[in-house]
Amino acid sequence: MKRVAITQRIDYHKSRNEYRDALDQRMHTLILNAGYLPFPIPNSLGLKLPEWLAKLKPQAFVLSGGNDLGEFGIRDDSELIILKYALTNHIPVLGICRGMQMMAKFAGIGLKEVSHHVCEPHKLSGTIQETVTCYHKFSIERCPNNYSVLAISEDGEIEAIKHNALSWESWMWHPERDEYINPTHIHRIRELFS
């Protein structure tokens, strides 16, 4: 089984003064159903992250959702290290929601605030044509250079992009949150990670 390393959100628990890494258990289920072995990536590794990755030898990455960019610098830094590592080692990357925002930031693209994209279904047009439920307050300003737009929402926001040369793709919706595992999402993950 190929190893897929997955980033995690950070949750702060004030009553215990604890910062915790967290990942929706449905993400593990999604990756396992696609035929891969999921490994969560700790946010606390800092500069030791490349060494950890070199020992784990992940064959794909998922930049998961949760947290806005800039909310926790330690997570932003970890994901930038991961994207550099993936670029250098030609490793496929799937960005989910915040993951797409981070991939855009890595390519030098900013974000803009949007409305009606939290817990609201959107009918997509483009290469990907389906209805998805989004959970984001920010969208990317434009498609990064060397990427193609795969899907646009009814209100004109970019909802999915794919790198033209690398096996990097990102979606602004959460496939792990679907009530049932969507075979189309499994197929797209397998195509990207193969």
Protein backbone atom coordinates (compact mmCIF):
# COMPACT_ATOMS: atom_id res chain seq x y z
CA MET A 1 0.00 0.00 0.00
CA LYS A 2 1.25 3.47 -0.86
CA ARG A 3 1.79 5.80 2.11
CA VAL A 4 -0.20 9.03 2.09
CA ALA A 5 0.86 11.69 4.59
CA ILE A 6 -1.97 14.03 5.68
CA THR A 7 -1.68 17.42 7.34
CA GLN A 8 -3.82 18.16 10.39
CA ARG A 9 -5.77 21.13 11.69
CA ILE A 10 -4.81 22.70 15.02
CA ASP A 11 -7.39 23.03 17.79
CA TYR A 12 -6.72 25.11 20.91
CA HIS A 13 -8.38 23.92 24.14
CA LYS A 14 -8.38 26.92 26.45
CA SER A 15 -9.42 25.04 29.62
CA ARG A 16 -6.29 22.86 29.35
CA ASN A 17 -4.07 25.40 27.59
CA GLU A 18 -3.39 22.73 24.94
CA TYR A 19 -2.83 22.92 21.22
CA ARG A 20 -3.89 19.67 19.57
CA ASP A 21 -3.45 18.32 16.07
CA ALA A 22 -6.72 16.92 14.75
CA LEU A 23 -7.99 15.15 11.65
CA ASP A 24 -11.51 14.09 10.82
CA GLN A 25 -11.57 10.29 11.06
CA ARG A 26 -13.52 10.23 7.81
CA MET A 27 -10.34 11.42 6.04
CA HIS A 28 -8.62 8.18 7.04
CA THR A 29 -11.64 6.26 5.76
CA LEU A 30 -11.55 8.11 2.43
CA ILE A 31 -7.84 7.44 1.91
CA LEU A 32 -8.15 3.78 2.96
CA ASN A 33 -11.08 3.31 0.57
CA ALA A 34 -8.95 4.74 -2.22
CA GLY A 35 -6.43 1.96 -1.45
CA TYR A 36 -3.76 3.92 0.43
CA LEU A 37 -2.30 3.90 3.94
CA PRO A 38 -2.88 7.26 5.73
CA PHE A 39 -0.32 8.85 8.09
CA PRO A 40 -1.14 12.08 9.95
CA ILE A 41 1.65 14.67 9.97
CA PRO A 42 2.38 16.36 13.32
CA ASN A 43 2.49 20.16 13.16
CA SER A 44 5.11 20.37 15.91
CA LEU A 45 8.08 18.93 13.99
CA GLY A 46 9.29 22.31 12.74
CA LEU A 47 12.67 22.09 11.03
CA LYS A 48 12.80 18.32 11.71
CA LEU A 49 9.86 17.79 9.34
CA PRO A 50 12.03 17.11 6.24
CA GLU A 51 13.96 14.47 8.20
CA TRP A 52 10.66 12.89 9.37
CA LEU A 53 9.37 12.87 5.78
CA ALA A 54 12.61 11.33 4.51
CA LYS A 55 12.20 8.46 6.99
CA LEU A 56 8.47 7.96 6.30
CA LYS A 57 8.94 8.22 2.52
CA PRO A 58 5.36 9.26 1.72
CA GLN A 59 4.24 8.55 -1.83
CA ALA A 60 1.51 11.22 -1.77
CA PHE A 61 0.30 14.10 0.39
CA VAL A 62 -3.08 15.46 1.36
CA LEU A 63 -3.18 19.04 2.62
CA SER A 64 -6.35 18.80 4.68
CA GLY A 65 -8.91 21.45 5.54
CA GLY A 66 -9.52 23.39 8.73
CA ASN A 67 -7.94 26.59 10.08
CA ASP A 68 -7.61 29.74 8.01
CA LEU A 69 -4.19 30.63 6.61
CA GLY A 70 -2.35 32.73 9.16
CA GLU A 71 -4.34 31.37 12.11
CA PHE A 72 -1.50 29.08 13.22
CA GLY A 73 1.90 29.93 11.76
CA ILE A 74 3.31 26.54 12.76
CA ARG A 75 0.82 24.82 10.45
CA ASP A 76 1.42 27.27 7.60
CA ASP A 77 5.18 26.68 7.91
CA SER A 78 4.74 22.88 7.97
CA GLU A 79 2.61 22.89 4.83
CA LEU A 80 5.05 25.13 2.97
CA ILE A 81 7.85 22.69 3.89
CA ILE A 82 5.68 19.82 2.64
CA LEU A 83 5.00 21.54 -0.69
CA LYS A 84 8.72 22.23 -1.18
CA TYR A 85 9.48 18.60 -0.32
CA ALA A 86 6.77 17.35 -2.72
CA LEU A 87 8.07 19.62 -5.49
CA THR A 88 11.68 18.51 -5.02
CA ASN A 89 10.78 14.81 -4.83
CA HIS A 90 7.99 14.78 -7.48
CA ILE A 91 5.32 13.60 -5.02
CA PRO A 92 1.59 13.97 -5.80
CA VAL A 93 -0.42 16.40 -3.65
CA LEU A 94 -4.17 16.73 -3.11
CA GLY A 95 -5.27 19.97 -1.45
CA ILE A 96 -8.62 20.00 0.35
CA CYS A 97 -10.19 23.44 0.99
CA ARG A 98 -7.44 25.16 3.02
CA GLY A 99 -5.05 22.89 1.11
CA MET A 100 -6.07 24.59 -2.13
CA GLN A 101 -5.54 27.98 -0.49
CA MET A 102 -2.05 26.91 0.65
CA MET A 103 -1.16 25.63 -2.82
CA ALA A 104 -2.25 28.99 -4.26
CA LYS A 105 -0.17 30.85 -1.63
CA PHE A 106 2.83 28.65 -2.51
CA ALA A 107 2.34 29.80 -6.12
CA GLY A 108 2.17 33.47 -5.05
CA ILE A 109 -1.63 33.91 -5.25
CA GLY A 110 -3.62 35.69 -2.54
CA LEU A 111 -7.05 35.01 -1.09
CA LYS A 112 -10.28 36.98 -1.10
CA GLU A 113 -13.23 36.79 1.26
CA VAL A 114 -16.39 35.20 -0.16
CA SER A 115 -19.93 34.79 1.12
CA HIS A 116 -22.38 31.91 0.81
CA HIS A 117 -19.65 29.24 0.75
CA VAL A 118 -20.00 27.86 4.29
CA CYS A 119 -22.26 24.79 4.52
CA GLU A 120 -23.85 25.64 1.18
CA PRO A 121 -24.17 23.35 -1.84
CA HIS A 122 -22.71 24.58 -5.14
CA LYS A 123 -23.31 23.26 -8.62
CA LEU A 124 -19.95 23.14 -10.38
CA SER A 125 -19.22 23.75 -14.03
CA GLY A 126 -16.06 22.95 -15.94
CA THR A 127 -14.21 19.64 -16.15
CA ILE A 128 -15.72 18.63 -12.80
CA GLN A 129 -19.50 18.85 -12.97
CA GLU A 130 -21.23 17.89 -9.74
CA THR A 131 -22.88 19.47 -6.74
CA VAL A 132 -20.64 19.83 -3.70
CA THR A 133 -21.00 21.42 -0.26
CA CYS A 134 -18.32 23.95 0.61
CA TYR A 135 -17.11 25.16 4.03
CA HIS A 136 -14.84 28.11 3.26
CA LYS A 137 -14.86 31.86 3.89
CA PHE A 138 -11.99 32.57 1.49
CA SER A 139 -11.37 31.77 -2.15
CA ILE A 140 -8.26 32.13 -4.28
CA GLU A 141 -7.99 35.45 -6.15
CA ARG A 142 -7.18 33.82 -9.47
CA CYS A 143 -5.82 30.63 -10.97
CA PRO A 144 -2.06 30.32 -10.35
CA ASN A 145 0.35 30.19 -13.30
CA ASN A 146 0.96 26.62 -14.51
CA TYR A 147 -2.45 25.50 -13.21
CA SER A 148 -5.77 24.92 -14.97
CA VAL A 149 -9.21 25.53 -13.51
CA LEU A 150 -11.21 22.31 -13.18
CA ALA A 151 -14.37 23.68 -11.58
CA ILE A 152 -16.16 26.98 -10.98
CA SER A 153 -19.13 27.60 -8.69
CA GLU A 154 -22.35 29.27 -9.85
CA ASP A 155 -21.14 32.59 -8.42
CA GLY A 156 -17.88 32.41 -10.40
CA GLU A 157 -15.47 31.29 -7.67
CA ILE A 158 -12.70 28.81 -8.50
CA GLU A 159 -13.51 25.52 -6.74
CA ALA A 160 -10.86 23.16 -8.19
CA ILE A 161 -7.49 23.49 -9.91
CA LYS A 162 -4.86 21.12 -11.30
CA HIS A 163 -1.18 21.73 -11.99
CA ASN A 164 -0.31 21.43 -15.67
CA ALA A 165 2.94 19.49 -15.14
CA LEU A 166 2.90 18.11 -11.57
CA SER A 167 0.48 15.60 -10.02
CA TRP A 168 -0.99 18.36 -7.85
CA GLU A 169 -4.73 18.98 -7.65
CA SER A 170 -6.96 20.76 -5.18
CA TRP A 171 -10.66 21.05 -4.35
CA MET A 172 -12.45 23.62 -2.21
CA TRP A 173 -14.95 21.05 -0.92
CA HIS A 174 -14.45 18.25 1.64
CA PRO A 175 -14.89 14.80 0.03
CA GLU A 176 -14.48 13.17 3.46
CA ARG A 177 -17.64 14.91 4.69
CA ASP A 178 -19.94 13.31 2.12
CA GLU A 179 -22.60 11.10 3.69
CA TYR A 180 -21.40 8.25 1.46
CA ILE A 181 -17.98 7.87 -0.12
CA ASN A 182 -18.31 9.28 -3.62
CA PRO A 183 -16.82 6.88 -6.21
CA THR A 184 -15.95 9.88 -8.41
CA HIS A 185 -13.75 11.30 -5.64
CA ILE A 186 -12.07 7.91 -5.11
CA HIS A 187 -11.41 7.68 -8.85
CA ARG A 188 -9.89 11.19 -8.97
CA ILE A 189 -7.67 10.44 -5.94
CA ARG A 190 -6.44 7.19 -7.54
CA GLU A 191 -5.71 8.97 -10.83
CA LEU A 192 -3.78 11.70 -9.04
CA PHE A 193 -1.79 9.38 -6.78
CA SER A 194 -1.05 6.64 -9.33
